[in-house]
């Protein structure tokens, strides 16, 4: 995981502006502790903080075209770079970096005189946020991956300059306003009047239209199995040691089990060679006696990983919250609760020399795994909710997974959100995903991988990560924040925080810390604030009468379902 900073539409380059860019980039150096690079051009500055995962020797950034006429800074991984290299053989590659293919595709796009960037971006299979500067004409292109696995923000100042950065802390105080760069969108300076334009579109994204797939349930199970195994194999692309996050829940267990099957070989050029590292390491975090830890150990024993159980105390978690909010850049209650143990775990992972981990984020969104999905009234409503959840994932789980790990220079990859696998999972008949009443959620995933897992894991009920690390973690957070915030402060919450006023004392507590780190209105607006039950969208609250007037993101809120 890397960090990028860019300043464009510069009228006059000055030493002061270059120093400003360097200070902005330094703010996100935790994302890329391995190398720092900067390019200063006629009307642009690009900075890059590198975490080397692929091609550690020659993949320094910014990257340059052979004639230096285009410059590129990327945060991400392009999993199909080998096949793109083969199809762009006329381009003289300068490095072994997977990201250099973006320059080759841009040059091809320019030579063909194409009018749309959609075909170019659709050829990329991976997770990415990039900024490309064309020295020849002074134009620039910014783009972000389909779901927003990689964070990105865009800002503007009164002089007309455009700013871009991997995290908002680099933009805070440096431009007049900024906002999250939308997933699946691009911004081209030649069409700046159109703003961000969507490049990633799929039929299943239209919430009114339920996918029509002529697949039996058995065929659907097989497609899920083959599709996810391919996604994991793609995402094992690495030239450095990697591991898996193994919480003991279904999603991380499935990813870990698949990774264990492939980890004995290093995937390369659609073939395999002997693995660079002989054992796959798995990591679990929780309070002593937490529900997840015993389950994670069972899975590790079954799949044969070198397993590490990391315990933290409630006090250690409380002590870390201020730093956690600084790094994850949100005051969303669920995200803060879940990011704190992940942040503590990431530090241990980095200390062991692991630079990349696979994780299970995204499964609950695409397969309806949260417990409130038991209340979905129809397949149509079920499908619409999965689309809504995916559209907001960059503000919640993707943000948590990325930023809590990158705080310590660890990259997280999420195979459930692989672009090709999404086309499999999101076009299944939604009735195959439904879980009415007490029927187990994500049954299609369980049936696809039950042979790889212990039975008690394959059929374990959904436990949200912030609950699974230990129920007393959330209970203590509620108690501490309730005593730290007075009734009078809550009564005047809308006066102190007119943008997204806190709904409860826990949110008020986190919001106060956030405002100390990031006082601007742009920062406040960058965070969503909506009522939720068990991580639902606001729209899904209509599914159950008991959800009305509730605002509790814990899965335990669905009392008649949670065991």
Protein backbone atom coordinates (compact mmCIF):
# COMPACT_ATOMS: atom_id res chain seq x y z
CA UNK A 1 0.00 0.00 0.00
CA UNK A 2 1.44 3.32 -1.05
CA UNK A 3 0.55 6.98 -0.75
CA UNK A 4 0.19 9.56 -3.51
CA UNK A 5 -0.07 13.35 -3.54
CA UNK A 6 -0.59 15.54 -6.59
CA UNK A 7 -1.00 19.24 -7.32
CA UNK A 8 -2.20 20.22 -10.81
CA UNK A 9 -3.12 23.36 -12.78
CA UNK A 10 -0.09 25.15 -11.36
CA UNK A 11 0.35 28.55 -12.95
CA UNK A 12 3.89 29.15 -11.74
CA UNK A 13 6.23 26.67 -10.08
CA UNK A 14 7.98 27.96 -6.97
CA UNK A 15 10.30 26.38 -4.39
CA UNK A 16 7.62 27.07 -1.78
CA UNK A 17 5.02 25.04 -3.66
CA UNK A 18 7.42 22.11 -3.99
CA UNK A 19 8.05 22.23 -0.24
CA UNK A 20 4.32 22.32 0.35
CA UNK A 21 3.90 19.15 -1.71
CA UNK A 22 6.69 17.45 0.23
CA UNK A 23 5.04 18.35 3.55
CA UNK A 24 1.72 16.97 2.31
CA UNK A 25 3.40 13.76 1.22
CA UNK A 26 5.21 13.42 4.54
CA UNK A 27 1.82 13.31 6.27
CA UNK A 28 1.09 9.96 4.61
CA UNK A 29 4.58 8.42 4.76
CA UNK A 30 3.24 5.65 7.03
CA UNK A 31 1.49 4.27 3.93
CA UNK A 32 4.80 3.89 2.09
CA UNK A 33 7.86 3.73 4.36
CA UNK A 34 10.14 2.10 1.76
CA UNK A 35 10.89 5.04 -0.57
CA UNK A 36 9.87 8.63 -1.32
CA UNK A 37 9.76 10.16 -4.80
CA UNK A 38 8.78 13.51 -6.28
CA UNK A 39 8.33 14.94 -9.78
CA UNK A 40 8.07 18.66 -10.50
CA UNK A 41 6.86 19.58 -14.00
CA UNK A 42 5.66 22.64 -15.88
CA UNK A 43 2.19 22.67 -14.26
CA UNK A 44 2.15 19.70 -11.87
CA UNK A 45 3.84 18.11 -8.89
CA UNK A 46 3.53 14.39 -8.12
CA UNK A 47 4.75 12.78 -4.88
CA UNK A 48 4.84 9.11 -4.00
CA UNK A 49 5.45 7.21 -0.76
CA UNK A 50 6.21 3.62 -1.61
CA UNK A 51 5.43 0.31 0.04
CA UNK A 52 7.21 -2.16 -2.23
CA UNK A 53 5.19 -5.33 -2.87
CA UNK A 54 5.92 -6.07 -6.54
CA UNK A 55 9.34 -5.39 -8.10
CA UNK A 56 11.03 -3.96 -4.98
CA UNK A 57 14.26 -3.29 -6.88
CA UNK A 58 13.13 -1.14 -9.81
CA UNK A 59 9.55 -0.08 -9.19
CA UNK A 60 10.18 3.32 -7.61
CA UNK A 61 7.64 6.03 -8.34
CA UNK A 62 6.64 8.34 -9.88
CA UNK A 63 6.93 6.20 -13.00
CA UNK A 64 7.92 7.72 -16.36
CA UNK A 65 7.16 6.80 -19.95
CA UNK A 66 10.31 6.00 -21.97
CA UNK A 67 10.45 9.53 -23.44
CA UNK A 68 9.48 11.17 -20.13
CA UNK A 69 6.35 12.67 -21.70
CA UNK A 70 3.98 11.08 -19.17
CA UNK A 71 4.42 10.73 -15.40
CA UNK A 72 2.42 8.43 -13.12
CA UNK A 73 1.89 7.99 -9.38
CA UNK A 74 -0.13 4.95 -8.29
CA UNK A 75 -1.34 3.41 -5.07
CA UNK A 76 -2.51 -0.12 -5.78
CA UNK A 77 -1.95 -3.44 -7.49
CA UNK A 78 -2.74 -4.42 -11.09
CA UNK A 79 -3.23 -8.19 -10.95
CA UNK A 80 -3.40 -8.75 -14.71
CA UNK A 81 -0.31 -6.71 -15.56
CA UNK A 82 1.42 -9.67 -17.18
CA UNK A 83 -1.26 -10.13 -19.81
CA UNK A 84 -1.45 -6.36 -20.40
CA UNK A 85 2.32 -6.26 -20.94
CA UNK A 86 1.95 -8.96 -23.57
CA UNK A 87 -0.77 -7.01 -25.39
CA UNK A 88 1.22 -3.74 -25.27
CA UNK A 89 4.53 -5.13 -26.49
CA UNK A 90 5.27 -1.99 -28.53
CA UNK A 91 5.71 -0.03 -25.31
CA UNK A 92 9.25 -0.07 -23.92
CA UNK A 93 8.79 -0.96 -20.27
CA UNK A 94 11.27 0.66 -17.91
CA UNK A 95 10.53 -1.39 -14.75
CA UNK A 96 8.97 -4.61 -13.54
CA UNK A 97 6.26 -2.67 -11.70
CA UNK A 98 2.74 -3.95 -12.21
CA UNK A 99 1.54 -0.33 -12.28
CA UNK A 100 3.59 0.69 -15.32
CA UNK A 101 0.98 -0.90 -17.58
CA UNK A 102 -1.21 2.16 -16.90
CA UNK A 103 1.31 4.29 -18.79
CA UNK A 104 1.33 1.81 -21.68
CA UNK A 105 -2.47 1.81 -21.87
CA UNK A 106 -2.60 5.61 -21.74
CA UNK A 107 -0.08 5.90 -24.57
CA UNK A 108 -2.14 3.44 -26.60
CA UNK A 109 -5.32 5.41 -25.81
CA UNK A 110 -3.67 8.66 -26.91
CA UNK A 111 -2.25 7.18 -30.12
CA UNK A 112 -5.68 5.87 -31.08
CA UNK A 113 -7.35 9.22 -30.48
CA UNK A 114 -9.98 7.63 -28.28
CA UNK A 115 -12.63 9.83 -26.68
CA UNK A 116 -13.41 7.74 -23.60
CA UNK A 117 -11.23 6.36 -20.82
CA UNK A 118 -13.73 3.61 -20.00
CA UNK A 119 -12.10 0.90 -22.19
CA UNK A 120 -8.68 1.76 -20.76
CA UNK A 121 -9.81 1.50 -17.14
CA UNK A 122 -11.90 -1.61 -17.76
CA UNK A 123 -8.76 -3.44 -18.85
CA UNK A 124 -7.34 -3.08 -15.35
CA UNK A 125 -8.03 -5.89 -12.92
CA UNK A 126 -6.94 -4.73 -9.50
CA UNK A 127 -7.22 -2.14 -6.78
CA UNK A 128 -5.89 1.32 -7.53
CA UNK A 129 -5.94 5.07 -7.23
CA UNK A 130 -3.67 6.94 -9.62
CA UNK A 131 -2.77 10.35 -10.98
CA UNK A 132 -1.22 10.64 -14.45
CA UNK A 133 0.29 13.86 -15.83
CA UNK A 134 0.84 14.38 -19.55
CA UNK A 135 3.82 16.71 -19.99
CA UNK A 136 3.07 17.23 -23.69
CA UNK A 137 -0.23 19.04 -23.24
CA UNK A 138 -0.40 19.69 -19.48
CA UNK A 139 -3.47 17.51 -19.01
CA UNK A 140 -3.95 15.08 -16.14
CA UNK A 141 -6.05 12.01 -15.40
CA UNK A 142 -7.12 10.79 -11.94
CA UNK A 143 -8.97 7.49 -11.39
CA UNK A 144 -10.08 5.14 -8.61
CA UNK A 145 -10.90 1.42 -8.56
CA UNK A 146 -14.50 0.12 -8.89
CA UNK A 147 -15.46 -0.25 -5.21
CA UNK A 148 -12.97 2.11 -3.58
CA UNK A 149 -10.70 -0.43 -1.92
CA UNK A 150 -7.91 2.15 -2.26
CA UNK A 151 -8.64 5.53 -0.61
CA UNK A 152 -8.47 8.80 -2.55
CA UNK A 153 -9.50 12.42 -2.01
CA UNK A 154 -9.67 15.39 -4.38
CA UNK A 155 -9.38 19.06 -3.42
CA UNK A 156 -9.50 22.54 -4.94
CA UNK A 157 -8.24 26.02 -4.10
CA UNK A 158 -9.32 29.51 -5.10
CA UNK A 159 -6.47 29.80 -7.63
CA UNK A 160 -7.83 26.89 -9.67
CA UNK A 161 -5.30 24.30 -8.57
CA UNK A 162 -6.53 20.71 -8.21
CA UNK A 163 -5.15 18.54 -5.41
CA UNK A 164 -5.27 14.79 -4.95
CA UNK A 165 -4.09 12.61 -2.05
CA UNK A 166 -4.48 9.13 -0.64
CA UNK A 167 -5.64 10.42 2.74
CA UNK A 168 -7.44 13.58 3.78
CA UNK A 169 -4.74 14.50 6.32
CA UNK A 170 -2.54 15.47 3.38
CA UNK A 171 -5.19 17.93 2.13
CA UNK A 172 -6.42 19.29 5.47
CA UNK A 173 -5.37 22.94 5.68
CA UNK A 174 -3.73 22.85 2.22
CA UNK A 175 -6.68 23.66 -0.05
CA UNK A 176 -10.01 25.43 0.30
CA UNK A 177 -12.20 22.34 0.05
CA UNK A 178 -11.89 18.64 -0.61
CA UNK A 179 -14.04 15.51 -0.80
CA UNK A 180 -13.72 11.74 -1.29
CA UNK A 181 -12.95 10.81 -4.88
CA UNK A 182 -15.80 8.54 -5.91
CA UNK A 183 -15.05 4.84 -6.56
CA UNK A 184 -15.37 3.70 -10.15
CA UNK A 185 -14.91 7.27 -11.42
CA UNK A 186 -12.25 9.29 -13.24
CA UNK A 187 -11.45 12.98 -13.57
CA UNK A 188 -9.84 14.29 -16.76
CA UNK A 189 -8.67 17.88 -16.84
CA UNK A 190 -9.76 18.27 -20.48
CA UNK A 191 -13.33 17.66 -19.28
CA UNK A 192 -13.05 19.32 -15.89
CA UNK A 193 -16.41 21.01 -16.37
CA UNK A 194 -18.03 17.57 -16.17
CA UNK A 195 -16.41 16.78 -12.83
CA UNK A 196 -15.88 13.14 -11.89
CA UNK A 197 -17.22 10.72 -14.50
CA UNK A 198 -18.25 7.12 -13.88
CA UNK A 199 -16.27 4.47 -15.73
CA UNK A 200 -17.36 1.35 -13.85
CA UNK A 201 -20.94 0.35 -14.68
CA UNK A 202 -22.73 -2.98 -14.47
CA UNK A 203 -26.32 -4.08 -15.03
CA UNK A 204 -26.59 -5.37 -11.47
CA UNK A 205 -25.84 -1.89 -10.15
CA UNK A 206 -29.32 -0.76 -11.16
CA UNK A 207 -31.14 -1.50 -7.94
CA UNK A 208 -34.48 -1.69 -9.71
CA UNK A 209 -33.32 -4.63 -11.82
CA UNK A 210 -32.79 -8.01 -10.22
CA UNK A 211 -30.21 -10.07 -12.15
CA UNK A 212 -31.66 -12.82 -14.29
CA UNK A 213 -29.28 -15.78 -14.36
CA UNK A 214 -30.43 -19.17 -15.60
CA UNK A 215 -28.42 -21.04 -12.99
CA UNK A 216 -29.58 -23.76 -10.68
CA UNK A 217 -28.59 -23.40 -7.04
CA UNK A 218 -25.97 -26.11 -7.49
CA UNK A 219 -24.47 -24.30 -10.47
CA UNK A 220 -24.43 -21.06 -8.47
CA UNK A 221 -22.49 -22.78 -5.69
CA UNK A 222 -19.92 -24.02 -8.21
CA UNK A 223 -19.55 -20.56 -9.82
CA UNK A 224 -18.95 -19.00 -6.42
CA UNK A 225 -16.33 -21.60 -5.60
CA UNK A 226 -14.42 -21.31 -8.87
CA UNK A 227 -14.74 -17.52 -9.04
CA UNK A 228 -13.45 -16.88 -5.54
CA UNK A 229 -10.60 -19.35 -5.85
CA UNK A 230 -9.49 -17.56 -9.01
CA UNK A 231 -9.72 -14.19 -7.24
CA UNK A 232 -7.55 -15.33 -4.36
CA UNK A 233 -5.00 -16.83 -6.72
CA UNK A 234 -4.81 -13.54 -8.65
CA UNK A 235 -4.34 -11.56 -5.49
CA UNK A 236 -1.45 -13.65 -4.18
CA UNK A 237 0.77 -11.72 -6.61
CA UNK A 238 3.66 -10.59 -4.40
CA UNK A 239 7.44 -10.36 -4.26
CA UNK A 240 7.47 -9.96 -0.47
CA UNK A 241 6.21 -12.05 2.48
CA UNK A 242 2.42 -12.13 2.90
CA UNK A 243 -0.13 -13.58 5.31
CA UNK A 244 -3.86 -13.85 5.98
CA UNK A 245 -6.15 -12.21 8.52
CA UNK A 246 -8.05 -15.05 10.16
CA UNK A 247 -10.78 -13.89 12.52
CA UNK A 248 -12.47 -17.29 12.78
CA UNK A 249 -15.59 -16.10 10.98
CA UNK A 250 -16.74 -17.60 7.70
CA UNK A 251 -15.36 -14.97 5.33
CA UNK A 252 -11.77 -14.76 6.57
CA UNK A 253 -11.69 -18.54 7.03
CA UNK A 254 -12.68 -19.13 3.39
CA UNK A 255 -10.05 -16.69 2.10
CA UNK A 256 -7.40 -18.24 4.36
CA UNK A 257 -8.27 -21.78 3.30
CA UNK A 258 -8.01 -20.91 -0.39
CA UNK A 259 -4.77 -19.00 0.13
CA UNK A 260 -3.31 -22.00 1.96
CA UNK A 261 -3.97 -24.16 -1.11
CA UNK A 262 -2.00 -21.83 -3.38
CA UNK A 263 0.65 -20.45 -1.04
CA UNK A 264 3.11 -23.28 -1.60
CA UNK A 265 3.66 -21.89 -5.09
CA UNK A 266 4.36 -18.41 -6.34
CA UNK A 267 1.89 -17.41 -9.03
CA UNK A 268 3.75 -16.03 -12.03
CA UNK A 269 2.84 -15.59 -15.69
CA UNK A 270 -0.26 -17.76 -15.30
CA UNK A 271 1.95 -20.57 -14.06
CA UNK A 272 3.65 -21.36 -10.78
CA UNK A 273 7.13 -21.65 -9.40
CA UNK A 274 8.33 -22.66 -5.97
CA UNK A 275 7.13 -20.32 -3.21
CA UNK A 276 9.62 -17.75 -1.96
CA UNK A 277 8.41 -18.29 1.63
CA UNK A 278 7.72 -21.82 2.80
CA UNK A 279 4.83 -21.24 5.24
CA UNK A 280 1.64 -19.17 5.23
CA UNK A 281 1.15 -17.15 8.42
CA UNK A 282 -2.30 -16.31 9.81
CA UNK A 283 -3.21 -13.63 12.34
CA UNK A 284 -6.11 -13.24 14.76
CA UNK A 285 -6.75 -10.50 17.32
CA UNK A 286 -9.05 -10.23 20.31
CA UNK A 287 -9.46 -9.88 24.04
CA UNK A 288 -8.57 -13.04 25.94
CA UNK A 289 -11.50 -15.45 25.65
CA UNK A 290 -13.03 -13.61 22.67
CA UNK A 291 -15.47 -15.63 20.50
CA UNK A 292 -13.29 -15.30 17.41
CA UNK A 293 -10.01 -16.56 18.80
CA UNK A 294 -10.90 -20.17 19.50
CA UNK A 295 -12.58 -20.47 16.10
CA UNK A 296 -9.56 -18.96 14.33
CA UNK A 297 -7.29 -21.53 15.96
CA UNK A 298 -9.52 -24.37 14.72
CA UNK A 299 -9.29 -23.11 11.16
CA UNK A 300 -5.53 -22.59 11.34
CA UNK A 301 -5.05 -26.17 12.53
CA UNK A 302 -7.23 -27.45 9.69
CA UNK A 303 -5.55 -25.52 6.87
CA UNK A 304 -2.00 -25.72 8.25
CA UNK A 305 -0.97 -22.08 8.71
CA UNK A 306 1.58 -20.78 11.19
CA UNK A 307 -0.96 -19.12 13.44
CA UNK A 308 -0.50 -16.06 15.65
CA UNK A 309 -3.09 -15.11 18.25
CA UNK A 310 -2.64 -11.51 19.35
CA UNK A 311 -4.34 -10.44 22.58
CA UNK A 312 -4.94 -6.87 23.58
CA UNK A 313 -6.46 -5.41 26.73
CA UNK A 314 -9.39 -3.02 26.88
CA UNK A 315 -7.08 -0.34 28.27
CA UNK A 316 -4.66 -0.79 25.36
CA UNK A 317 -7.58 -0.35 23.01
CA UNK A 318 -8.81 2.76 24.79
CA UNK A 319 -5.32 4.25 24.78
CA UNK A 320 -5.09 3.76 21.01
CA UNK A 321 -8.39 5.37 20.00
CA UNK A 322 -7.03 8.88 19.51
CA UNK A 323 -4.33 7.57 17.15
CA UNK A 324 -6.79 5.24 15.44
CA UNK A 325 -9.15 8.11 14.57
CA UNK A 326 -6.21 10.10 13.19
CA UNK A 327 -5.20 7.26 10.89
CA UNK A 328 -8.63 6.03 9.77
CA UNK A 329 -10.04 9.57 9.33
CA UNK A 330 -13.61 8.89 10.42
CA UNK A 331 -15.87 9.26 13.42
CA UNK A 332 -18.27 6.51 12.33
CA UNK A 333 -18.97 4.42 15.43
CA UNK A 334 -18.73 0.94 13.90
CA UNK A 335 -15.57 1.81 12.01
CA UNK A 336 -13.80 3.13 15.11
CA UNK A 337 -14.87 0.09 17.15
CA UNK A 338 -13.58 -2.38 14.57
CA UNK A 339 -10.50 -0.45 13.45
CA UNK A 340 -8.91 -0.31 16.90
CA UNK A 341 -8.08 -4.04 17.25
CA UNK A 342 -7.13 -4.16 13.55
CA UNK A 343 -4.76 -1.22 14.08
CA UNK A 344 -3.12 -2.96 17.05
CA UNK A 345 -2.82 -6.20 15.08
CA UNK A 346 -1.23 -4.45 12.09
CA UNK A 347 1.69 -3.30 14.20
CA UNK A 348 2.48 -6.89 15.20
CA UNK A 349 2.15 -8.08 11.61
CA UNK A 350 4.63 -5.46 10.41
CA UNK A 351 7.06 -6.35 13.21
CA UNK A 352 7.18 -9.91 11.85
CA UNK A 353 8.22 -8.82 8.38
CA UNK A 354 4.85 -9.37 6.68
CA UNK A 355 3.96 -6.61 4.21
CA UNK A 356 0.72 -7.84 2.64
CA UNK A 357 -2.31 -9.69 4.02
CA UNK A 358 -5.51 -11.06 2.51
CA UNK A 359 -8.77 -10.33 4.30
CA UNK A 360 -12.47 -11.22 4.08
CA UNK A 361 -14.09 -7.78 3.69
CA UNK A 362 -16.93 -7.49 1.20
CA UNK A 363 -18.61 -10.87 1.62
CA UNK A 364 -21.36 -9.53 3.88
CA UNK A 365 -22.21 -6.81 1.39
CA UNK A 366 -22.41 -8.97 -1.72
CA UNK A 367 -24.00 -12.04 -0.09
CA UNK A 368 -26.15 -10.30 2.53
CA UNK A 369 -24.30 -11.64 5.54
CA UNK A 370 -25.25 -9.07 8.19
CA UNK A 371 -27.93 -10.33 10.55
CA UNK A 372 -30.44 -7.66 9.55
CA UNK A 373 -30.59 -9.30 6.10
CA UNK A 374 -32.73 -12.00 7.74
CA UNK A 375 -35.48 -9.38 7.66
CA UNK A 376 -35.35 -8.72 3.90
CA UNK A 377 -38.94 -8.97 2.64
CA UNK A 378 -38.28 -9.97 -1.01
CA UNK A 379 -35.41 -11.00 -3.29
CA UNK A 380 -35.72 -7.62 -5.00
CA UNK A 381 -35.28 -5.71 -1.75
CA UNK A 382 -32.44 -8.02 -0.74
CA UNK A 383 -30.61 -7.28 -4.00
CA UNK A 384 -31.19 -3.52 -3.79
CA UNK A 385 -29.71 -3.50 -0.30
CA UNK A 386 -26.56 -5.36 -1.43
CA UNK A 387 -26.10 -2.74 -4.16
CA UNK A 388 -26.58 0.07 -1.63
CA UNK A 389 -24.08 -1.54 0.72
CA UNK A 390 -21.47 -1.92 -2.03
CA UNK A 391 -21.88 1.70 -3.09
CA UNK A 392 -21.02 2.86 0.44
CA UNK A 393 -18.30 0.33 1.21
CA UNK A 394 -15.50 2.85 0.54
CA UNK A 395 -16.77 4.87 3.50
CA UNK A 396 -16.84 1.94 5.92
CA UNK A 397 -15.17 -1.49 5.66
CA UNK A 398 -12.81 -0.65 2.79
CA UNK A 399 -11.71 2.46 4.64
CA UNK A 400 -11.20 0.49 7.87
CA UNK A 401 -9.36 -2.38 6.21
CA UNK A 402 -7.05 -0.11 4.26
CA UNK A 403 -6.22 2.66 6.68
CA UNK A 404 -5.90 0.64 9.89
CA UNK A 405 -3.35 -1.60 8.15
CA UNK A 406 -1.54 1.13 6.19
CA UNK A 407 -0.99 3.03 9.45
CA UNK A 408 1.85 0.53 9.95
CA UNK A 409 2.84 0.06 6.29
CA UNK A 410 0.88 -3.15 5.68
CA UNK A 411 -1.17 -3.71 2.52
CA UNK A 412 -4.60 -5.34 2.70
CA UNK A 413 -6.20 -7.18 -0.23
CA UNK A 414 -9.84 -8.22 -0.41
CA UNK A 415 -10.60 -11.07 -2.86
CA UNK A 416 -14.38 -10.94 -2.28
CA UNK A 417 -14.29 -7.50 -3.95
CA UNK A 418 -12.24 -8.67 -6.93
CA UNK A 419 -13.73 -7.06 -10.05
CA UNK A 420 -14.20 -10.36 -11.88
CA UNK A 421 -15.67 -12.10 -8.85
CA UNK A 422 -18.19 -9.30 -8.33
CA UNK A 423 -19.60 -10.10 -11.77
CA UNK A 424 -20.17 -13.64 -10.55
CA UNK A 425 -21.58 -12.91 -7.11
CA UNK A 426 -23.79 -9.95 -7.99
CA UNK A 427 -25.49 -11.68 -10.93
CA UNK A 428 -26.67 -14.67 -8.90
CA UNK A 429 -30.38 -15.06 -8.34
CA UNK A 430 -30.84 -13.10 -5.07
CA UNK A 431 -33.24 -15.76 -3.78
CA UNK A 432 -30.16 -18.02 -3.48
CA UNK A 433 -28.70 -15.52 -1.03
CA UNK A 434 -31.73 -14.89 1.14
CA UNK A 435 -31.90 -16.07 4.76
CA UNK A 436 -35.51 -15.73 5.98
CA UNK A 437 -36.19 -16.33 9.67
CA UNK A 438 -33.56 -18.54 11.28
CA UNK A 439 -32.10 -19.83 8.02
CA UNK A 440 -28.34 -19.39 8.01
CA UNK A 441 -26.97 -16.37 6.14
CA UNK A 442 -24.51 -16.72 3.21
CA UNK A 443 -25.55 -20.34 2.63
CA UNK A 444 -24.28 -20.30 -0.96
CA UNK A 445 -20.77 -19.45 0.28
CA UNK A 446 -20.93 -22.07 3.02
CA UNK A 447 -22.02 -24.77 0.56
CA UNK A 448 -19.22 -23.74 -1.81
CA UNK A 449 -16.42 -24.11 0.76
CA UNK A 450 -17.69 -26.31 3.59
CA UNK A 451 -15.31 -29.09 2.53
CA UNK A 452 -12.32 -26.82 3.24
CA UNK A 453 -13.36 -25.81 6.76
CA UNK A 454 -14.21 -27.38 10.12
CA UNK A 455 -17.97 -27.89 10.31
CA UNK A 456 -18.40 -25.56 13.29
CA UNK A 457 -16.79 -22.77 11.24
CA UNK A 458 -18.57 -23.44 7.96
CA UNK A 459 -21.92 -23.17 9.72
CA UNK A 460 -21.08 -20.55 12.33
CA UNK A 461 -23.49 -17.60 12.57
CA UNK A 462 -22.29 -14.19 11.45
CA UNK A 463 -20.41 -12.31 14.19
CA UNK A 464 -19.40 -8.75 13.33
CA UNK A 465 -15.69 -8.13 13.80
CA UNK A 466 -16.17 -5.47 16.49
CA UNK A 467 -18.28 -8.00 18.44
CA UNK A 468 -16.14 -11.05 17.72
CA UNK A 469 -12.98 -9.56 19.23
CA UNK A 470 -14.82 -9.61 22.58
CA UNK A 471 -18.24 -8.33 23.61
CA UNK A 472 -16.76 -6.42 26.54
CA UNK A 473 -14.84 -4.23 24.09
CA UNK A 474 -18.00 -2.55 22.77
CA UNK A 475 -19.72 -2.60 26.15
CA UNK A 476 -16.77 -0.77 27.72
CA UNK A 477 -16.63 1.77 24.90
CA UNK A 478 -20.28 2.60 25.53
CA UNK A 479 -19.68 2.99 29.27
CA UNK A 480 -16.54 5.10 28.91
CA UNK A 481 -18.02 7.45 26.33
CA UNK A 482 -21.31 7.76 28.23
CA UNK A 483 -19.43 9.01 31.29
CA UNK A 484 -17.08 11.25 29.28
CA UNK A 485 -19.86 13.16 27.49
CA UNK A 486 -22.38 15.06 29.59
CA UNK A 487 -26.11 15.35 28.94
CA UNK A 488 -25.63 19.08 28.44
CA UNK A 489 -23.02 18.49 25.76
CA UNK A 490 -25.39 16.15 23.93
CA UNK A 491 -28.19 18.71 24.20
CA UNK A 492 -26.00 21.21 22.35
CA UNK A 493 -24.40 18.72 19.95
CA UNK A 494 -25.98 20.32 16.87
CA UNK A 495 -24.55 23.71 17.84
CA UNK A 496 -21.01 22.41 18.22
CA UNK A 497 -21.26 20.06 15.22
CA UNK A 498 -23.79 21.50 12.76
CA UNK A 499 -22.58 19.11 10.04
CA UNK A 500 -23.80 15.59 10.87
CA UNK A 501 -24.66 16.23 14.55
CA UNK A 502 -23.78 13.20 16.73
CA UNK A 503 -26.74 10.92 17.56
CA UNK A 504 -25.35 9.47 20.77
CA UNK A 505 -22.55 9.98 23.29
CA UNK A 506 -20.21 7.44 21.75
CA UNK A 507 -20.36 9.21 18.40
CA UNK A 508 -19.95 12.59 20.13
CA UNK A 509 -16.80 11.32 21.84
CA UNK A 510 -15.25 10.13 18.56
CA UNK A 511 -16.37 13.25 16.74
CA UNK A 512 -14.62 15.47 19.28
CA UNK A 513 -11.32 13.67 18.70
CA UNK A 514 -11.82 13.77 14.93
CA UNK A 515 -12.44 17.53 15.03
CA UNK A 516 -9.16 18.07 16.89
CA UNK A 517 -7.29 16.26 14.12
CA UNK A 518 -9.37 17.57 11.21
CA UNK A 519 -11.25 20.79 12.02
CA UNK A 520 -12.46 21.72 8.52
CA UNK A 521 -16.00 21.45 7.19
CA UNK A 522 -14.64 19.33 4.32
CA UNK A 523 -13.40 16.77 6.84
CA UNK A 524 -16.74 16.66 8.65
CA UNK A 525 -18.64 16.16 5.39
CA UNK A 526 -16.33 13.33 4.29
CA UNK A 527 -17.82 11.00 6.91
CA UNK A 528 -21.30 9.46 6.56
CA UNK A 529 -23.73 9.78 9.45
CA UNK A 530 -26.96 7.80 9.16
CA UNK A 531 -29.01 5.66 11.56
CA UNK A 532 -28.18 1.96 11.34
CA UNK A 533 -29.03 -1.36 12.96
CA UNK A 534 -26.39 -4.10 12.70
CA UNK A 535 -24.63 -2.17 9.91
CA UNK A 536 -27.77 -1.69 7.81
CA UNK A 537 -28.38 1.23 5.49
CA UNK A 538 -31.04 3.69 6.59
CA UNK A 539 -33.41 2.32 3.94
CA UNK A 540 -33.35 -1.20 5.42
CA UNK A 541 -34.66 0.04 8.78
CA UNK A 542 -38.13 -0.24 7.25
CA UNK A 543 -37.78 -4.01 7.10
CA UNK A 544 -38.68 -4.56 10.76
CA UNK A 545 -40.89 -2.60 13.13
CA UNK A 546 -38.39 -3.25 15.92
CA UNK A 547 -35.71 -1.30 14.00
CA UNK A 548 -37.64 1.96 14.20
CA UNK A 549 -36.00 4.52 16.46
CA UNK A 550 -32.98 2.21 16.90
CA UNK A 551 -29.40 3.21 16.13
CA UNK A 552 -27.06 0.40 17.17
CA UNK A 553 -24.55 -0.96 14.66
CA UNK A 554 -23.69 -4.09 16.67
CA UNK A 555 -25.01 -7.38 15.30
CA UNK A 556 -26.39 -8.07 18.77
CA UNK A 557 -29.08 -5.47 18.04
CA UNK A 558 -30.96 -8.07 15.97
CA UNK A 559 -32.04 -9.80 19.15
CA UNK A 560 -34.38 -12.43 17.69
CA UNK A 561 -31.67 -13.64 15.28
CA UNK A 562 -28.34 -13.21 17.10
CA UNK A 563 -27.51 -16.31 19.14
